[in-house]
PDB file of N, CA and C in Angstrom:
ATOM      1  N   UNK A   1     -45.142  39.785  76.828  1.00  0.00           N
ATOM      2  CA  UNK A   1     -45.082  38.551  77.583  1.00  0.00           C
ATOM      3  C   UNK A   1     -44.266  38.820  78.843  1.00  0.00           C
ATOM      4  N   UNK A   2     -44.797  38.392  79.950  1.00  0.00           N
ATOM      5  CA  UNK A   2     -44.145  38.690  81.225  1.00  0.00           C
ATOM      6  C   UNK A   2     -42.947  37.772  81.468  1.00  0.00           C
ATOM      7  N   UNK A   3     -41.968  38.230  82.240  1.00  0.00           N
ATOM      8  CA  UNK A   3     -40.820  37.379  82.573  1.00  0.00           C
ATOM      9  C   UNK A   3     -41.233  36.083  83.272  1.00  0.00           C
ATOM     10  N   UNK A   4     -42.256  36.145  84.124  1.00  0.00           N
ATOM     11  CA  UNK A   4     -42.684  34.918  84.822  1.00  0.00           C
ATOM     12  C   UNK A   4     -43.277  33.905  83.852  1.00  0.00           C
ATOM     13  N   UNK A   5     -44.026  34.389  82.831  1.00  0.00           N
ATOM     14  CA  UNK A   5     -44.574  33.459  81.838  1.00  0.00           C
ATOM     15  C   UNK A   5     -43.443  32.845  81.018  1.00  0.00           C
ATOM     16  N   UNK A   6     -42.450  33.654  80.653  1.00  0.00           N
ATOM     17  CA  UNK A   6     -41.303  33.119  79.920  1.00  0.00           C
ATOM     18  C   UNK A   6     -40.586  32.063  80.751  1.00  0.00           C
ATOM     19  N   UNK A   7     -40.440  32.306  82.032  1.00  0.00           N
ATOM     20  CA  UNK A   7     -39.785  31.335  82.908  1.00  0.00           C
ATOM     21  C   UNK A   7     -40.577  30.031  82.957  1.00  0.00           C
ATOM     22  N   UNK A   8     -41.893  30.120  83.050  1.00  0.00           N
ATOM     23  CA  UNK A   8     -42.723  28.920  83.069  1.00  0.00           C
ATOM     24  C   UNK A   8     -42.615  28.159  81.754  1.00  0.00           C
ATOM     25  N   UNK A   9     -42.665  28.872  80.628  1.00  0.00           N
ATOM     26  CA  UNK A   9     -42.577  28.222  79.324  1.00  0.00           C
ATOM     27  C   UNK A   9     -41.194  27.632  79.078  1.00  0.00           C
ATOM     28  N   UNK A  10     -40.167  28.256  79.635  1.00  0.00           N
ATOM     29  CA  UNK A  10     -38.806  27.773  79.400  1.00  0.00           C
ATOM     30  C   UNK A  10     -38.585  26.384  79.993  1.00  0.00           C
ATOM     31  N   UNK A  11     -39.397  26.003  80.967  1.00  0.00           N
ATOM     32  CA  UNK A  11     -39.272  24.664  81.543  1.00  0.00           C
ATOM     33  C   UNK A  11     -39.511  23.572  80.508  1.00  0.00           C
ATOM     34  N   UNK A  12     -40.271  23.870  79.460  1.00  0.00           N
ATOM     35  CA  UNK A  12     -40.559  22.867  78.437  1.00  0.00           C
ATOM     36  C   UNK A  12     -39.671  23.024  77.205  1.00  0.00           C
ATOM     37  N   UNK A  13     -38.646  23.878  77.296  1.00  0.00           N
ATOM     38  CA  UNK A  13     -37.737  24.108  76.176  1.00  0.00           C
ATOM     39  C   UNK A  13     -36.329  23.662  76.538  1.00  0.00           C
ATOM     40  N   UNK A  14     -35.563  23.312  75.519  1.00  0.00           N
ATOM     41  CA  UNK A  14     -34.168  22.957  75.756  1.00  0.00           C
ATOM     42  C   UNK A  14     -33.358  24.187  76.123  1.00  0.00           C
ATOM     43  N   UNK A  15     -33.703  25.308  75.513  1.00  0.00           N
ATOM     44  CA  UNK A  15     -32.937  26.531  75.711  1.00  0.00           C
ATOM     45  C   UNK A  15     -33.834  27.724  75.436  1.00  0.00           C
ATOM     46  N   UNK A  16     -33.618  28.805  76.156  1.00  0.00           N
ATOM     47  CA  UNK A  16     -34.366  30.033  75.942  1.00  0.00           C
ATOM     48  C   UNK A  16     -33.398  31.197  76.050  1.00  0.00           C
ATOM     49  N   UNK A  17     -33.334  31.998  74.992  1.00  0.00           N
ATOM     50  CA  UNK A  17     -32.501  33.195  74.989  1.00  0.00           C
ATOM     51  C   UNK A  17     -33.413  34.388  74.794  1.00  0.00           C
ATOM     52  N   UNK A  18     -33.298  35.376  75.650  1.00  0.00           N
ATOM     53  CA  UNK A  18     -34.133  36.563  75.567  1.00  0.00           C
ATOM     54  C   UNK A  18     -33.247  37.746  75.205  1.00  0.00           C
ATOM     55  N   UNK A  19     -33.608  38.403  74.102  1.00  0.00           N
ATOM     56  CA  UNK A  19     -32.874  39.577  73.655  1.00  0.00           C
ATOM     57  C   UNK A  19     -33.873  40.721  73.555  1.00  0.00           C
ATOM     58  N   UNK A  20     -33.951  41.533  74.578  1.00  0.00           N
ATOM     59  CA  UNK A  20     -34.899  42.640  74.597  1.00  0.00           C
ATOM     60  C   UNK A  20     -34.433  43.780  73.706  1.00  0.00           C
ATOM     61  N   UNK A  21     -35.270  44.149  72.751  1.00  0.00           N
ATOM     62  CA  UNK A  21     -35.038  45.265  71.840  1.00  0.00           C
ATOM     63  C   UNK A  21     -33.711  45.150  71.094  1.00  0.00           C
ATOM     64  N   UNK A  22     -33.211  43.962  70.932  1.00  0.00           N
ATOM     65  CA  UNK A  22     -31.952  43.733  70.225  1.00  0.00           C
ATOM     66  C   UNK A  22     -32.233  42.951  68.948  1.00  0.00           C
ATOM     67  N   UNK A  23     -32.979  43.554  68.033  1.00  0.00           N
ATOM     68  CA  UNK A  23     -33.376  42.852  66.815  1.00  0.00           C
ATOM     69  C   UNK A  23     -32.175  42.361  66.023  1.00  0.00           C
ATOM     70  N   UNK A  24     -31.163  43.189  65.876  1.00  0.00           N
ATOM     71  CA  UNK A  24     -30.012  42.779  65.061  1.00  0.00           C
ATOM     72  C   UNK A  24     -29.326  41.562  65.671  1.00  0.00           C
ATOM     73  N   UNK A  25     -29.202  41.515  66.987  1.00  0.00           N
ATOM     74  CA  UNK A  25     -28.593  40.353  67.644  1.00  0.00           C
ATOM     75  C   UNK A  25     -29.459  39.111  67.466  1.00  0.00           C
ATOM     76  N   UNK A  26     -30.769  39.280  67.621  1.00  0.00           N
ATOM     77  CA  UNK A  26     -31.681  38.144  67.453  1.00  0.00           C
ATOM     78  C   UNK A  26     -31.645  37.623  66.026  1.00  0.00           C
ATOM     79  N   UNK A  27     -31.622  38.527  65.055  1.00  0.00           N
ATOM     80  CA  UNK A  27     -31.602  38.106  63.656  1.00  0.00           C
ATOM     81  C   UNK A  27     -30.291  37.405  63.309  1.00  0.00           C
ATOM     82  N   UNK A  28     -29.169  37.902  63.855  1.00  0.00           N
ATOM     83  CA  UNK A  28     -27.878  37.242  63.618  1.00  0.00           C
ATOM     84  C   UNK A  28     -27.889  35.829  64.185  1.00  0.00           C
ATOM     85  N   UNK A  29     -28.342  35.706  65.402  1.00  0.00           N
ATOM     86  CA  UNK A  29     -28.417  34.398  66.056  1.00  0.00           C
ATOM     87  C   UNK A  29     -29.335  33.468  65.268  1.00  0.00           C
ATOM     88  N   UNK A  30     -30.508  33.962  64.884  1.00  0.00           N
ATOM     89  CA  UNK A  30     -31.488  33.143  64.183  1.00  0.00           C
ATOM     90  C   UNK A  30     -31.020  32.761  62.774  1.00  0.00           C
ATOM     91  N   UNK A  31     -30.265  33.618  62.140  1.00  0.00           N
ATOM     92  CA  UNK A  31     -29.791  33.328  60.786  1.00  0.00           C
ATOM     93  C   UNK A  31     -28.796  32.178  60.764  1.00  0.00           C
ATOM     94  N   UNK A  32     -28.094  31.962  61.879  1.00  0.00           N
ATOM     95  CA  UNK A  32     -27.035  30.960  61.911  1.00  0.00           C
ATOM     96  C   UNK A  32     -27.361  29.738  62.760  1.00  0.00           C
ATOM     97  N   UNK A  33     -28.594  29.634  63.220  1.00  0.00           N
ATOM     98  CA  UNK A  33     -28.963  28.484  64.043  1.00  0.00           C
ATOM     99  C   UNK A  33     -29.594  27.398  63.170  1.00  0.00           C
ATOM    100  N   UNK A  34     -29.799  26.248  63.753  1.00  0.00           N
ATOM    101  CA  UNK A  34     -30.506  25.172  63.070  1.00  0.00           C
ATOM    102  C   UNK A  34     -31.985  25.502  63.137  1.00  0.00           C
ATOM    103  N   UNK A  35     -32.541  25.968  62.037  1.00  0.00           N
ATOM    104  CA  UNK A  35     -33.930  26.392  62.009  1.00  0.00           C
ATOM    105  C   UNK A  35     -34.913  25.303  62.376  1.00  0.00           C
ATOM    106  N   UNK A  36     -34.565  24.060  62.124  1.00  0.00           N
ATOM    107  CA  UNK A  36     -35.458  22.952  62.452  1.00  0.00           C
ATOM    108  C   UNK A  36     -35.537  22.718  63.954  1.00  0.00           C
ATOM    109  N   UNK A  37     -34.601  23.285  64.701  1.00  0.00           N
ATOM    110  CA  UNK A  37     -34.543  23.080  66.155  1.00  0.00           C
ATOM    111  C   UNK A  37     -34.805  24.357  66.946  1.00  0.00           C
ATOM    112  N   UNK A  38     -35.128  25.448  66.254  1.00  0.00           N
ATOM    113  CA  UNK A  38     -35.200  26.744  66.905  1.00  0.00           C
ATOM    114  C   UNK A  38     -36.477  27.473  66.521  1.00  0.00           C
ATOM    115  N   UNK A  39     -36.990  28.255  67.456  1.00  0.00           N
ATOM    116  CA  UNK A  39     -38.130  29.124  67.205  1.00  0.00           C
ATOM    117  C   UNK A  39     -37.750  30.534  67.630  1.00  0.00           C
ATOM    118  N   UNK A  40     -38.063  31.496  66.788  1.00  0.00           N
ATOM    119  CA  UNK A  40     -37.834  32.898  67.115  1.00  0.00           C
ATOM    120  C   UNK A  40     -39.184  33.524  67.436  1.00  0.00           C
ATOM    121  N   UNK A  41     -39.335  34.051  68.638  1.00  0.00           N
ATOM    122  CA  UNK A  41     -40.554  34.745  69.039  1.00  0.00           C
ATOM    123  C   UNK A  41     -40.219  36.223  69.203  1.00  0.00           C
ATOM    124  N   UNK A  42     -40.955  37.083  68.519  1.00  0.00           N
ATOM    125  CA  UNK A  42     -40.666  38.509  68.529  1.00  0.00           C
ATOM    126  C   UNK A  42     -41.899  39.275  69.013  1.00  0.00           C
ATOM    127  N   UNK A  43     -41.724  40.029  70.077  1.00  0.00           N
ATOM    128  CA  UNK A  43     -42.768  40.921  70.569  1.00  0.00           C
ATOM    129  C   UNK A  43     -42.621  42.229  69.798  1.00  0.00           C
ATOM    130  N   UNK A  44     -43.460  42.437  68.813  1.00  0.00           N
ATOM    131  CA  UNK A  44     -43.344  43.608  67.957  1.00  0.00           C
ATOM    132  C   UNK A  44     -43.517  44.916  68.728  1.00  0.00           C
ATOM    133  N   UNK A  45     -44.251  44.870  69.834  1.00  0.00           N
ATOM    134  CA  UNK A  45     -44.458  46.076  70.639  1.00  0.00           C
ATOM    135  C   UNK A  45     -43.165  46.549  71.312  1.00  0.00           C
ATOM    136  N   UNK A  46     -42.204  45.658  71.451  1.00  0.00           N
ATOM    137  CA  UNK A  46     -40.930  46.005  72.094  1.00  0.00           C
ATOM    138  C   UNK A  46     -39.889  46.521  71.096  1.00  0.00           C
ATOM    139  N   UNK A  47     -40.195  46.434  69.814  1.00  0.00           N
ATOM    140  CA  UNK A  47     -39.244  46.840  68.794  1.00  0.00           C
ATOM    141  C   UNK A  47     -39.371  48.336  68.522  1.00  0.00           C
ATOM    142  N   UNK A  48     -38.261  49.073  68.584  1.00  0.00           N
ATOM    143  CA  UNK A  48     -38.311  50.520  68.404  1.00  0.00           C
ATOM    144  C   UNK A  48     -38.661  50.952  66.974  1.00  0.00           C
ATOM    145  N   UNK A  49     -38.349  50.127  65.977  1.00  0.00           N
ATOM    146  CA  UNK A  49     -38.609  50.478  64.578  1.00  0.00           C
ATOM    147  C   UNK A  49     -39.329  49.316  63.916  1.00  0.00           C
ATOM    148  N   UNK A  50     -40.658  49.420  63.824  1.00  0.00           N
ATOM    149  CA  UNK A  50     -41.468  48.319  63.290  1.00  0.00           C
ATOM    150  C   UNK A  50     -41.144  48.025  61.835  1.00  0.00           C
ATOM    151  N   UNK A  51     -40.920  49.055  61.050  1.00  0.00           N
ATOM    152  CA  UNK A  51     -40.609  48.865  59.633  1.00  0.00           C
ATOM    153  C   UNK A  51     -39.305  48.070  59.462  1.00  0.00           C
ATOM    154  N   UNK A  52     -38.302  48.417  60.243  1.00  0.00           N
ATOM    155  CA  UNK A  52     -37.022  47.706  60.200  1.00  0.00           C
ATOM    156  C   UNK A  52     -37.201  46.262  60.681  1.00  0.00           C
ATOM    157  N   UNK A  53     -38.039  46.066  61.671  1.00  0.00           N
ATOM    158  CA  UNK A  53     -38.296  44.723  62.202  1.00  0.00           C
ATOM    159  C   UNK A  53     -38.937  43.839  61.139  1.00  0.00           C
ATOM    160  N   UNK A  54     -39.954  44.354  60.458  1.00  0.00           N
ATOM    161  CA  UNK A  54     -40.636  43.597  59.405  1.00  0.00           C
ATOM    162  C   UNK A  54     -39.659  43.255  58.281  1.00  0.00           C
ATOM    163  N   UNK A  55     -38.856  44.215  57.875  1.00  0.00           N
ATOM    164  CA  UNK A  55     -37.862  43.976  56.822  1.00  0.00           C
ATOM    165  C   UNK A  55     -36.845  42.926  57.264  1.00  0.00           C
ATOM    166  N   UNK A  56     -36.433  43.004  58.517  1.00  0.00           N
ATOM    167  CA  UNK A  56     -35.473  42.028  59.042  1.00  0.00           C
ATOM    168  C   UNK A  56     -36.053  40.626  59.087  1.00  0.00           C
ATOM    169  N   UNK A  57     -37.311  40.511  59.479  1.00  0.00           N
ATOM    170  CA  UNK A  57     -37.959  39.189  59.516  1.00  0.00           C
ATOM    171  C   UNK A  57     -38.148  38.628  58.114  1.00  0.00           C
ATOM    172  N   UNK A  58     -38.487  39.477  57.163  1.00  0.00           N
ATOM    173  CA  UNK A  58     -38.637  39.023  55.771  1.00  0.00           C
ATOM    174  C   UNK A  58     -37.297  38.526  55.228  1.00  0.00           C
ATOM    175  N   UNK A  59     -36.230  39.246  55.534  1.00  0.00           N
ATOM    176  CA  UNK A  59     -34.890  38.833  55.108  1.00  0.00           C
ATOM    177  C   UNK A  59     -34.480  37.530  55.790  1.00  0.00           C
ATOM    178  N   UNK A  60     -34.798  37.420  57.061  1.00  0.00           N
ATOM    179  CA  UNK A  60     -34.475  36.201  57.807  1.00  0.00           C
ATOM    180  C   UNK A  60     -35.195  34.990  57.209  1.00  0.00           C
ATOM    181  N   UNK A  61     -36.426  35.196  56.753  1.00  0.00           N
ATOM    182  CA  UNK A  61     -37.194  34.105  56.140  1.00  0.00           C
ATOM    183  C   UNK A  61     -36.439  33.537  54.943  1.00  0.00           C
ATOM    184  N   UNK A  62     -35.754  34.406  54.191  1.00  0.00           N
ATOM    185  CA  UNK A  62     -34.974  33.954  53.039  1.00  0.00           C
ATOM    186  C   UNK A  62     -33.667  33.297  53.477  1.00  0.00           C
ATOM    187  N   UNK A  63     -33.046  33.820  54.531  1.00  0.00           N
ATOM    188  CA  UNK A  63     -31.759  33.324  55.003  1.00  0.00           C
ATOM    189  C   UNK A  63     -31.873  31.962  55.684  1.00  0.00           C
ATOM    190  N   UNK A  64     -32.874  31.808  56.530  1.00  0.00           N
ATOM    191  CA  UNK A  64     -33.050  30.572  57.301  1.00  0.00           C
ATOM    192  C   UNK A  64     -34.512  30.146  57.190  1.00  0.00           C
ATOM    193  N   UNK A  65     -34.852  29.554  56.059  1.00  0.00           N
ATOM    194  CA  UNK A  65     -36.235  29.224  55.727  1.00  0.00           C
ATOM    195  C   UNK A  65     -36.866  28.218  56.690  1.00  0.00           C
ATOM    196  N   UNK A  66     -36.083  27.389  57.327  1.00  0.00           N
ATOM    197  CA  UNK A  66     -36.661  26.372  58.214  1.00  0.00           C
ATOM    198  C   UNK A  66     -36.997  26.897  59.601  1.00  0.00           C
ATOM    199  N   UNK A  67     -36.548  28.095  59.923  1.00  0.00           N
ATOM    200  CA  UNK A  67     -36.774  28.689  61.237  1.00  0.00           C
ATOM    201  C   UNK A  67     -38.255  28.997  61.453  1.00  0.00           C
ATOM    202  N   UNK A  68     -38.792  28.555  62.577  1.00  0.00           N
ATOM    203  CA  UNK A  68     -40.163  28.895  62.956  1.00  0.00           C
ATOM    204  C   UNK A  68     -40.160  30.284  63.599  1.00  0.00           C
ATOM    205  N   UNK A  69     -41.110  31.134  63.175  1.00  0.00           N
ATOM    206  CA  UNK A  69     -41.182  32.502  63.697  1.00  0.00           C
ATOM    207  C   UNK A  69     -42.594  32.770  64.214  1.00  0.00           C
ATOM    208  N   UNK A  70     -42.652  33.253  65.457  1.00  0.00           N
ATOM    209  CA  UNK A  70     -43.898  33.682  66.084  1.00  0.00           C
ATOM    210  C   UNK A  70     -43.780  35.170  66.361  1.00  0.00           C
ATOM    211  N   UNK A  71     -44.747  35.950  65.856  1.00  0.00           N
ATOM    212  CA  UNK A  71     -44.768  37.366  66.174  1.00  0.00           C
ATOM    213  C   UNK A  71     -45.923  37.626  67.141  1.00  0.00           C
ATOM    214  N   UNK A  72     -45.718  38.605  68.028  1.00  0.00           N
ATOM    215  CA  UNK A  72     -46.700  38.910  69.069  1.00  0.00           C
ATOM    216  C   UNK A  72     -46.894  40.418  69.145  1.00  0.00           C
ATOM    217  N   UNK A  73     -48.146  40.841  69.439  1.00  0.00           N
ATOM    218  CA  UNK A  73     -48.405  42.265  69.598  1.00  0.00           C
ATOM    219  C   UNK A  73     -49.768  42.496  70.243  1.00  0.00           C
ATOM    220  N   UNK A  74     -49.856  43.573  70.977  1.00  0.00           N
ATOM    221  CA  UNK A  74     -51.139  44.011  71.532  1.00  0.00           C
ATOM    222  C   UNK A  74     -52.031  44.597  70.445  1.00  0.00           C
ATOM    223  N   UNK A  75     -51.446  45.037  69.349  1.00  0.00           N
ATOM    224  CA  UNK A  75     -52.226  45.683  68.289  1.00  0.00           C
ATOM    225  C   UNK A  75     -52.911  44.689  67.345  1.00  0.00           C
ATOM    226  N   UNK A  76     -52.588  43.415  67.438  1.00  0.00           N
ATOM    227  CA  UNK A  76     -53.271  42.430  66.592  1.00  0.00           C
ATOM    228  C   UNK A  76     -54.732  42.338  67.006  1.00  0.00           C
ATOM    229  N   UNK A  77     -55.608  42.232  66.036  1.00  0.00           N
ATOM    230  CA  UNK A  77     -57.034  42.091  66.316  1.00  0.00           C
ATOM    231  C   UNK A  77     -57.314  40.746  66.965  1.00  0.00           C
ATOM    232  N   UNK A  78     -56.595  39.717  66.484  1.00  0.00           N
ATOM    233  CA  UNK A  78     -56.759  38.376  67.038  1.00  0.00           C
ATOM    234  C   UNK A  78     -55.501  37.558  66.786  1.00  0.00           C
ATOM    235  N   UNK A  79     -55.414  36.438  67.455  1.00  0.00           N
ATOM    236  CA  UNK A  79     -54.333  35.487  67.215  1.00  0.00           C
ATOM    237  C   UNK A  79     -54.577  34.826  65.866  1.00  0.00           C
ATOM    238  N   UNK A  80     -53.519  34.621  65.092  1.00  0.00           N
ATOM    239  CA  UNK A  80     -53.638  33.990  63.766  1.00  0.00           C
ATOM    240  C   UNK A  80     -52.689  32.797  63.717  1.00  0.00           C
ATOM    241  N   UNK A  81     -53.262  31.618  63.648  1.00  0.00           N
ATOM    242  CA  UNK A  81     -52.464  30.390  63.639  1.00  0.00           C
ATOM    243  C   UNK A  81     -52.436  29.729  62.271  1.00  0.00           C
ATOM    244  N   UNK A  82     -52.941  30.418  61.263  1.00  0.00           N
ATOM    245  CA  UNK A  82     -53.030  29.840  59.921  1.00  0.00           C
ATOM    246  C   UNK A  82     -51.720  30.015  59.152  1.00  0.00           C
ATOM    247  N   UNK A  83     -51.279  28.989  58.467  1.00  0.00           N
ATOM    248  CA  UNK A  83     -49.990  29.045  57.762  1.00  0.00           C
ATOM    249  C   UNK A  83     -50.012  29.891  56.487  1.00  0.00           C
ATOM    250  N   UNK A  84     -51.174  30.305  56.021  1.00  0.00           N
ATOM    251  CA  UNK A  84     -51.234  31.067  54.768  1.00  0.00           C
ATOM    252  C   UNK A  84     -50.598  32.447  54.888  1.00  0.00           C
ATOM    253  N   UNK A  85     -50.420  32.947  56.075  1.00  0.00           N
ATOM    254  CA  UNK A  85     -49.888  34.289  56.279  1.00  0.00           C
ATOM    255  C   UNK A  85     -48.413  34.237  56.660  1.00  0.00           C
ATOM    256  N   UNK A  86     -47.619  33.500  55.899  1.00  0.00           N
ATOM    257  CA  UNK A  86     -46.248  33.213  56.309  1.00  0.00           C
ATOM    258  C   UNK A  86     -45.186  34.119  55.685  1.00  0.00           C
ATOM    259  N   UNK A  87     -45.552  35.333  55.277  1.00  0.00           N
ATOM    260  CA  UNK A  87     -44.569  36.238  54.701  1.00  0.00           C
ATOM    261  C   UNK A  87     -43.427  36.518  55.683  1.00  0.00           C
ATOM    262  N   UNK A  88     -43.763  36.777  56.943  1.00  0.00           N
ATOM    263  CA  UNK A  88     -42.719  37.039  57.936  1.00  0.00           C
ATOM    264  C   UNK A  88     -42.810  36.133  59.151  1.00  0.00           C
ATOM    265  N   UNK A  89     -43.920  35.410  59.316  1.00  0.00           N
ATOM    266  CA  UNK A  89     -44.084  34.596  60.522  1.00  0.00           C
ATOM    267  C   UNK A  89     -44.962  33.390  60.249  1.00  0.00           C
ATOM    268  N   UNK A  90     -44.799  32.381  61.085  1.00  0.00           N
ATOM    269  CA  UNK A  90     -45.584  31.156  60.954  1.00  0.00           C
ATOM    270  C   UNK A  90     -46.848  31.192  61.805  1.00  0.00           C
ATOM    271  N   UNK A  91     -46.920  32.123  62.739  1.00  0.00           N
ATOM    272  CA  UNK A  91     -48.110  32.336  63.559  1.00  0.00           C
ATOM    273  C   UNK A  91     -47.969  33.695  64.228  1.00  0.00           C
ATOM    274  N   UNK A  92     -49.109  34.266  64.607  1.00  0.00           N
ATOM    275  CA  UNK A  92     -49.080  35.531  65.346  1.00  0.00           C
ATOM    276  C   UNK A  92     -49.976  35.404  66.570  1.00  0.00           C
ATOM    277  N   UNK A  93     -49.554  36.039  67.636  1.00  0.00           N
ATOM    278  CA  UNK A  93     -50.236  35.943  68.921  1.00  0.00           C
ATOM    279  C   UNK A  93     -50.638  37.330  69.396  1.00  0.00           C
ATOM    280  N   UNK A  94     -51.929  37.498  69.664  1.00  0.00           N
ATOM    281  CA  UNK A  94     -52.408  38.762  70.213  1.00  0.00           C
ATOM    282  C   UNK A  94     -52.099  38.780  71.708  1.00  0.00           C
ATOM    283  N   UNK A  95     -51.471  39.854  72.140  1.00  0.00           N
ATOM    284  CA  UNK A  95     -51.159  40.023  73.549  1.00  0.00           C
ATOM    285  C   UNK A  95     -52.191  40.933  74.208  1.00  0.00           C
ATOM    286  N   UNK A  96     -52.447  40.810  75.475  1.00  0.00           N
ATOM    287  CA  UNK A  96     -51.868  39.814  76.380  1.00  0.00           C
ATOM    288  C   UNK A  96     -52.438  38.420  76.102  1.00  0.00           C
ATOM    289  N   UNK A  97     -51.663  37.425  76.438  1.00  0.00           N
ATOM    290  CA  UNK A  97     -52.060  36.039  76.202  1.00  0.00           C
ATOM    291  C   UNK A  97     -51.788  35.213  77.453  1.00  0.00           C
ATOM    292  N   UNK A  98     -52.599  34.193  77.631  1.00  0.00           N
ATOM    293  CA  UNK A  98     -52.391  33.279  78.749  1.00  0.00           C
ATOM    294  C   UNK A  98     -51.247  32.329  78.408  1.00  0.00           C
ATOM    295  N   UNK A  99     -50.800  31.600  79.393  1.00  0.00           N
ATOM    296  CA  UNK A  99     -49.763  30.590  79.169  1.00  0.00           C
ATOM    297  C   UNK A  99     -50.252  29.563  78.150  1.00  0.00           C
ATOM    298  N   UNK A 100     -51.505  29.157  78.265  1.00  0.00           N
ATOM    299  CA  UNK A 100     -52.070  28.178  77.324  1.00  0.00           C
ATOM    300  C   UNK A 100     -52.095  28.741  75.900  1.00  0.00           C
ATOM    301  N   UNK A 101     -52.574  29.976  75.728  1.00  0.00           N
ATOM    302  CA  UNK A 101     -52.623  30.585  74.396  1.00  0.00           C
ATOM    303  C   UNK A 101     -51.224  30.707  73.800  1.00  0.00           C
ATOM    304  N   UNK A 102     -50.270  31.069  74.622  1.00  0.00           N
ATOM    305  CA  UNK A 102     -48.889  31.188  74.165  1.00  0.00           C
ATOM    306  C   UNK A 102     -48.334  29.832  73.758  1.00  0.00           C
ATOM    307  N   UNK A 103     -48.607  28.811  74.552  1.00  0.00           N
ATOM    308  CA  UNK A 103     -48.150  27.451  74.221  1.00  0.00           C
ATOM    309  C   UNK A 103     -48.737  26.980  72.908  1.00  0.00           C
ATOM    310  N   UNK A 104     -50.026  27.240  72.697  1.00  0.00           N
ATOM    311  CA  UNK A 104     -50.686  26.844  71.444  1.00  0.00           C
ATOM    312  C   UNK A 104     -50.056  27.584  70.261  1.00  0.00           C
ATOM    313  N   UNK A 105     -49.820  28.888  70.413  1.00  0.00           N
ATOM    314  CA  UNK A 105     -49.217  29.664  69.329  1.00  0.00           C
ATOM    315  C   UNK A 105     -47.804  29.172  69.007  1.00  0.00           C
ATOM    316  N   UNK A 106     -47.027  28.852  70.026  1.00  0.00           N
ATOM    317  CA  UNK A 106     -45.680  28.293  69.807  1.00  0.00           C
ATOM    318  C   UNK A 106     -45.773  26.981  69.040  1.00  0.00           C
ATOM    319  N   UNK A 107     -46.708  26.124  69.443  1.00  0.00           N
ATOM    320  CA  UNK A 107     -46.902  24.832  68.771  1.00  0.00           C
ATOM    321  C   UNK A 107     -47.273  25.038  67.300  1.00  0.00           C
ATOM    322  N   UNK A 108     -48.208  25.938  67.027  1.00  0.00           N
ATOM    323  CA  UNK A 108     -48.620  26.173  65.647  1.00  0.00           C
ATOM    324  C   UNK A 108     -47.508  26.787  64.819  1.00  0.00           C
ATOM    325  N   UNK A 109     -46.707  27.664  65.400  1.00  0.00           N
ATOM    326  CA  UNK A 109     -45.582  28.247  64.663  1.00  0.00           C
ATOM    327  C   UNK A 109     -44.622  27.161  64.207  1.00  0.00           C
ATOM    328  N   UNK A 110     -44.297  26.247  65.110  1.00  0.00           N
ATOM    329  CA  UNK A 110     -43.380  25.152  64.774  1.00  0.00           C
ATOM    330  C   UNK A 110     -44.016  24.223  63.735  1.00  0.00           C
ATOM    331  N   UNK A 111     -45.276  23.860  63.941  1.00  0.00           N
ATOM    332  CA  UNK A 111     -45.973  22.959  63.013  1.00  0.00           C
ATOM    333  C   UNK A 111     -46.107  23.599  61.632  1.00  0.00           C
ATOM    334  N   UNK A 112     -46.508  24.868  61.597  1.00  0.00           N
ATOM    335  CA  UNK A 112     -46.659  25.563  60.316  1.00  0.00           C
ATOM    336  C   UNK A 112     -45.322  25.684  59.589  1.00  0.00           C
ATOM    337  N   UNK A 113     -44.253  25.944  60.321  1.00  0.00           N
ATOM    338  CA  UNK A 113     -42.923  26.037  59.701  1.00  0.00           C
ATOM    339  C   UNK A 113     -42.524  24.696  59.093  1.00  0.00           C
ATOM    340  N   UNK A 114     -42.806  23.623  59.812  1.00  0.00           N
ATOM    341  CA  UNK A 114     -42.486  22.295  59.296  1.00  0.00           C
ATOM    342  C   UNK A 114     -43.228  22.033  57.987  1.00  0.00           C
ATOM    343  N   UNK A 115     -44.534  22.280  57.974  1.00  0.00           N
ATOM    344  CA  UNK A 115     -45.313  22.045  56.757  1.00  0.00           C
ATOM    345  C   UNK A 115     -44.921  23.003  55.639  1.00  0.00           C
ATOM    346  N   UNK A 116     -44.622  24.248  55.981  1.00  0.00           N
ATOM    347  CA  UNK A 116     -44.206  25.226  54.965  1.00  0.00           C
ATOM    348  C   UNK A 116     -42.910  24.791  54.298  1.00  0.00           C
ATOM    349  N   UNK A 117     -41.934  24.374  55.083  1.00  0.00           N
ATOM    350  CA  UNK A 117     -40.641  23.989  54.495  1.00  0.00           C
ATOM    351  C   UNK A 117     -40.732  22.648  53.779  1.00  0.00           C
ATOM    352  N   UNK A 118     -41.565  21.751  54.274  1.00  0.00           N
ATOM    353  CA  UNK A 118     -41.755  20.463  53.590  1.00  0.00           C
ATOM    354  C   UNK A 118     -42.418  20.696  52.245  1.00  0.00           C
ATOM    355  N   UNK A 119     -43.442  21.533  52.221  1.00  0.00           N
ATOM    356  CA  UNK A 119     -44.150  21.845  50.973  1.00  0.00           C
ATOM    357  C   UNK A 119     -43.232  22.571  49.997  1.00  0.00           C
ATOM    358  N   UNK A 120     -42.465  23.569  50.499  1.00  0.00           N
ATOM    359  CA  UNK A 120     -41.553  24.333  49.631  1.00  0.00           C
ATOM    360  C   UNK A 120     -40.483  23.433  49.030  1.00  0.00           C
ATOM    361  N   UNK A 121     -39.993  22.475  49.780  1.00  0.00           N
ATOM    362  CA  UNK A 121     -38.920  21.613  49.273  1.00  0.00           C
ATOM    363  C   UNK A 121     -39.436  20.608  48.256  1.00  0.00           C
ATOM    364  N   UNK A 122     -40.747  20.332  48.263  1.00  0.00           N
ATOM    365  CA  UNK A 122     -41.331  19.420  47.271  1.00  0.00           C
ATOM    366  C   UNK A 122     -41.604  20.101  45.946  1.00  0.00           C
ATOM    367  N   UNK A 123     -41.651  21.423  45.950  1.00  0.00           N
ATOM    368  CA  UNK A 123     -42.000  22.161  44.726  1.00  0.00           C
ATOM    369  C   UNK A 123     -40.878  22.168  43.721  1.00  0.00           C
TER     370      UNK A 123
END
């Protein structure tokens, strides 16, 4: 995702923090934030250790279950907005993506997280 697209999208957000290749910092921040008010977007292509990233996201899912997570990568075959694949993320976005596609993926990540946590809390 380009810096200019992030700048455009940030206009519709209360806050935007960008941590390039700093998975541990992002996970620490995400673990202690209000998950109902926060979304973590991770560009998997920017992560130096994919295996560690996946493990960290899985652990984060247990630590802060209400947090919405969007993963992005050029290697994805397609964008996946379905909530059934929520092991590490609430939606995935195939890159490159337009501003509209990114906005839709962000929306679905938040919506899927809401329904996932509402459903989990009813069980």
